[in-house]
Protein backbone atom coordinates (compact mmCIF):
# COMPACT_ATOMS: atom_id res chain seq x y z
CA MET A 1 -0.09 0.16 0.07
CA HIS A 2 1.48 2.74 -0.07
CA HIS A 3 1.85 6.13 2.18
CA ILE A 4 1.67 9.28 2.92
CA PHE A 5 1.76 11.86 5.09
CA PRO A 6 -1.08 14.91 5.28
CA PRO A 7 -1.04 17.39 6.99
CA PRO A 8 -1.84 15.54 11.18
CA GLU A 9 -4.85 17.70 11.79
CA LYS A 10 -6.34 15.84 8.82
CA LEU A 11 -6.38 12.94 10.66
CA ARG A 12 -8.92 14.03 12.99
CA GLN A 13 -11.36 12.73 10.85
CA ALA A 14 -12.99 9.33 10.00
CA ILE A 15 -12.40 10.81 6.59
CA VAL A 16 -9.88 12.38 5.07
CA THR A 17 -9.65 15.17 1.78
CA ILE A 18 -6.86 14.63 0.33
CA ASP A 19 -6.04 17.93 -2.28
CA GLY A 20 -2.74 19.80 -3.44
CA PRO A 21 0.53 17.18 -3.69
CA ASP A 22 -0.60 14.28 -2.64
CA PHE A 23 -4.05 14.32 -4.50
CA HIS A 24 -1.67 14.73 -7.38
CA HIS A 25 0.76 11.97 -7.09
CA LEU A 26 -1.51 9.40 -5.78
CA ILE A 27 -4.12 10.33 -8.80
CA HIS A 28 -1.90 10.92 -11.74
CA VAL A 29 1.19 9.61 -11.19
CA LEU A 30 -0.10 5.92 -9.04
CA ARG A 31 -2.58 6.16 -10.35
CA ILE A 32 -4.95 5.72 -7.71
CA GLN A 33 -8.78 4.04 -7.48
CA VAL A 34 -12.04 4.23 -5.53
CA GLY A 35 -11.52 0.91 -3.94
CA GLU A 36 -8.28 0.26 -3.15
CA GLU A 37 -5.97 1.37 -0.09
CA ILE A 38 -3.27 3.62 1.43
CA VAL A 39 -1.84 4.22 4.65
CA LEU A 40 -1.54 7.87 6.09
CA LEU A 41 0.68 8.90 8.17
CA ASP A 42 0.27 11.07 11.55
CA ASN A 43 4.75 11.91 11.22
CA SER A 44 4.32 10.64 15.30
CA GLY A 45 5.23 6.84 14.74
CA VAL A 46 1.62 6.15 13.94
CA GLY A 47 -0.45 5.16 11.21
CA TRP A 48 -4.25 4.47 9.92
CA ARG A 49 -5.20 2.06 6.55
CA ALA A 50 -7.53 4.12 4.65
CA CYS A 51 -9.85 3.29 1.79
CA ILE A 52 -10.29 5.81 -1.56
CA GLU A 53 -14.27 6.25 -1.40
CA SER A 54 -14.43 9.28 -4.28
CA VAL A 55 -12.01 11.03 -6.41
CA GLY A 56 -12.49 14.33 -7.27
CA ASN A 57 -11.46 17.25 -10.41
CA LYS A 58 -9.46 18.55 -7.38
CA ALA A 59 -9.27 16.29 -4.43
CA LEU A 60 -9.98 13.17 -2.73
CA SER A 61 -11.93 11.77 0.51
CA ALA A 62 -10.37 8.05 2.41
CA ARG A 63 -11.85 6.39 5.13
CA ILE A 64 -9.58 5.81 8.22
CA LEU A 65 -10.44 2.05 8.54
CA GLU A 66 -7.68 0.69 11.26
CA GLU A 67 -4.46 1.69 12.46
CA HIS A 68 -1.98 0.25 10.86
CA LYS A 69 1.71 -1.66 12.14
CA LEU A 70 5.04 0.23 10.65
CA PRO A 71 8.50 -1.16 10.92
CA PRO A 72 10.25 0.16 14.14
CA GLU A 73 12.34 3.40 13.43
CA PRO A 74 16.38 2.65 13.43
CA VAL A 75 17.55 2.24 17.02
CA ILE A 76 20.64 5.00 16.41
CA HIS A 77 19.66 8.64 16.26
CA ILE A 78 22.45 9.68 13.09
CA THR A 79 21.68 13.77 11.90
CA VAL A 80 23.82 14.23 8.60
CA ALA A 81 24.93 17.39 9.18
CA GLN A 82 26.73 16.88 4.86
CA ALA A 83 28.35 20.06 3.00
CA PRO A 84 25.55 20.57 -0.62
CA GLY A 85 27.49 19.69 -3.52
CA LYS A 86 26.87 20.69 -6.57
CA GLY A 87 24.32 19.91 -9.10
CA ASP A 88 21.66 17.35 -7.49
CA ARG A 89 24.59 15.95 -4.69
CA PHE A 90 23.03 16.85 -1.89
CA GLU A 91 19.05 15.89 -2.36
CA ARG A 92 20.66 11.78 -3.82
CA VAL A 93 21.32 12.20 0.80
CA LEU A 94 18.24 13.27 1.90
CA GLN A 95 16.88 10.74 -0.51
CA HIS A 96 19.23 7.60 0.47
CA CYS A 97 20.01 8.89 4.06
CA THR A 98 16.07 9.26 4.93
CA GLU A 99 15.70 5.29 3.17
CA ILE A 100 18.51 4.11 5.18
CA GLY A 101 17.20 5.42 8.09
CA ALA A 102 19.29 8.78 8.61
CA SER A 103 17.02 10.93 11.88
CA ARG A 104 18.38 14.47 10.90
CA PHE A 105 19.66 16.39 8.38
CA ILE A 106 22.49 19.37 8.36
CA PRO A 107 23.28 21.64 5.21
CA LEU A 108 26.73 22.77 6.74
CA LEU A 109 28.76 25.51 5.43
CA THR A 110 32.30 25.03 4.93
CA GLU A 111 34.98 26.60 4.15
CA ARG A 112 35.20 24.27 0.84
CA THR A 113 31.32 24.71 0.14
CA VAL A 114 30.94 24.80 -3.12
CA VAL A 115 26.72 26.08 -2.69
CA LYS A 116 25.85 29.31 -2.20
CA ILE A 117 22.70 30.05 -0.40
CA SER A 118 21.94 32.92 0.85
CA ARG A 119 19.73 33.75 3.22
CA ASP A 120 16.82 35.20 0.69
CA HIS A 121 16.27 31.63 -0.66
CA GLN A 122 17.10 29.98 2.86
CA GLN A 123 13.05 28.67 2.79
CA GLU A 124 12.47 27.99 -0.21
CA LYS A 125 15.82 25.95 -0.02
CA THR A 126 15.54 23.96 2.67
CA GLU A 127 10.89 23.36 2.08
CA ARG A 128 12.15 21.67 -1.15
CA TRP A 129 14.52 19.73 1.29
CA ARG A 130 12.11 18.72 2.93
CA GLU A 131 9.61 17.69 -0.04
CA ILE A 132 12.05 15.24 -0.99
CA ILE A 133 12.63 14.25 2.30
CA LYS A 134 8.80 13.38 2.58
CA GLY A 135 8.11 11.51 -1.07
CA ALA A 136 11.43 10.18 0.60
CA THR A 137 9.93 8.53 4.24
CA GLU A 138 7.19 7.59 1.87
CA GLN A 139 8.48 5.21 -0.72
CA CYS A 140 10.38 3.44 2.16
CA HIS A 141 7.35 3.03 4.36
CA ARG A 142 9.19 4.68 7.14
CA ALA A 143 6.75 6.35 9.87
CA LYS A 144 8.74 9.46 10.75
CA MET A 145 9.63 11.69 8.48
CA PRO A 146 13.97 13.00 9.34
CA GLU A 147 14.26 16.86 10.22
CA ILE A 148 15.86 19.40 8.49
CA SER A 149 17.47 22.43 10.07
CA ALA A 150 18.35 25.32 7.85
CA PRO A 151 21.92 25.84 6.61
CA MET A 152 24.26 26.20 9.79
CA GLU A 153 28.40 27.59 9.24
CA PHE A 154 30.95 24.76 10.39
CA SER A 155 31.83 26.92 13.31
CA ASP A 156 28.01 26.78 14.78
CA LEU A 157 28.36 22.93 14.03
CA LEU A 158 31.65 23.47 16.79
CA LEU A 159 29.01 24.40 19.64
CA SER A 160 26.76 21.44 19.09
CA VAL A 161 29.23 18.69 19.20
CA GLY A 162 28.67 17.66 23.22
CA GLU A 163 25.42 16.93 22.68
CA TYR A 164 26.57 13.16 20.68
CA GLU A 165 28.29 10.26 22.14
CA TYR A 166 29.51 10.05 18.92
CA PRO A 167 30.68 13.00 17.37
CA LEU A 168 32.18 11.93 13.81
CA LEU A 169 33.66 13.63 10.74
CA LEU A 170 34.99 11.35 7.85
CA HIS A 171 38.14 11.95 6.71
CA GLN A 172 40.41 9.64 4.51
CA ASP A 173 43.23 10.14 7.58
CA GLY A 174 40.75 9.28 10.11
CA GLU A 175 40.57 6.23 12.67
CA ALA A 176 37.96 3.68 11.55
CA MET A 177 35.03 3.63 11.91
CA LYS A 178 32.32 1.21 13.98
CA SER A 179 29.39 1.13 13.93
CA ALA A 180 27.15 2.33 16.79
CA GLY A 181 25.57 1.14 19.74
CA SER A 182 21.80 1.11 20.05
CA GLY A 183 20.27 4.69 21.63
CA SER A 184 23.17 6.43 21.01
CA ALA A 185 23.01 9.97 19.51
CA VAL A 186 25.59 10.03 15.71
CA LEU A 187 26.55 13.24 14.12
CA LEU A 188 27.90 12.54 10.93
CA VAL A 189 29.14 15.55 9.75
CA VAL A 190 30.79 14.63 5.72
CA GLY A 191 32.88 17.62 4.06
CA PRO A 192 32.13 19.20 0.35
CA GLU A 193 33.88 17.58 -2.98
CA GLY A 194 37.50 19.61 -1.79
CA GLY A 195 37.60 18.03 1.38
CA PHE A 196 37.63 20.13 5.30
CA SER A 197 40.40 22.27 5.40
CA GLN A 198 43.47 21.47 8.17
CA GLY A 199 41.74 24.36 10.31
CA GLU A 200 38.18 23.20 11.08
CA ILE A 201 39.51 19.37 11.69
CA CYS A 202 42.04 20.66 13.67
CA SER A 203 38.61 22.68 15.05
CA TRP A 204 36.44 19.81 15.49
CA ILE A 205 39.31 17.61 17.33
CA SER A 206 39.46 20.92 19.57
CA HIS A 207 35.92 20.36 20.20
CA GLY A 208 36.52 16.58 21.60
CA GLY A 209 34.59 15.64 17.78
CA ARG A 210 36.33 11.78 16.78
CA VAL A 211 37.78 12.10 13.14
CA VAL A 212 36.95 8.67 11.31
CA SER A 213 37.02 6.94 8.26
CA LEU A 214 35.82 4.63 5.52
CA CYS A 215 37.92 2.99 3.80
CA PRO A 216 42.01 3.94 2.07
CA TRP A 217 39.92 5.68 -0.35
CA VAL A 218 39.39 8.65 -1.42
CA LEU A 219 34.87 9.05 -1.31
CA ARG A 220 32.37 11.26 -3.35
CA THR A 221 30.20 13.03 -1.14
CA GLU A 222 27.03 10.82 -1.62
CA THR A 223 28.58 8.14 -1.56
CA ALA A 224 30.28 8.61 1.48
CA ALA A 225 26.93 9.91 3.75
CA LEU A 226 25.08 6.50 2.74
CA THR A 227 28.57 4.07 3.15
CA ALA A 228 28.98 5.58 6.56
CA LEU A 229 25.22 5.46 7.90
CA ALA A 230 24.76 1.45 6.49
CA ARG A 231 28.73 0.85 9.07
CA LEU A 232 27.26 2.50 11.75
CA GLN A 233 23.35 0.85 12.22
CA PRO A 234 24.53 -1.96 14.86
């Protein structure tokens, strides 16, 4: 069954009206018809099985049938702080890391980050990224959408290192990375195409962060994030 996240307030009624982009996706992309069932999610870990009762030009109605059991969320909380790359690389990170279990994303601005995000466009960018995360979460049938914050400077990220049990920065010269224990809070920091500067690495270590490596080779930023996330899962 297809999964979607309608606005949570709509799930307070027995018959749910679905319109906007969700309606377009269900009807014009997935070709859902009257009588078919879908799963409605409220982003708190709860889902409901619902049956399509009617389809109009701009909206459809679905009747909630019963609560739907969902797969459990990952046993570790992984925040991915990733420097956006050129093209759609960051969007691919959001998609694939959502599928493999990331809990939160931070677009990271470093000394060598090529992609510049002006303050005027931050909200627009963040909304687009949130929609990409939503679609990936629905596609892989997760119960909760990962969060995404506004773009953050590397210097500001350093202030939160102490909040995590495993603050890890990826670099080819770091120690071999291992999986994290269940219930752990992990901060996974991935640099841009040009990597981190020596000053950034020194600052990271001085703030209590660890430098870790996945392999002896230099990976693309989008490959590194996905590989590290899979490696961290217990």
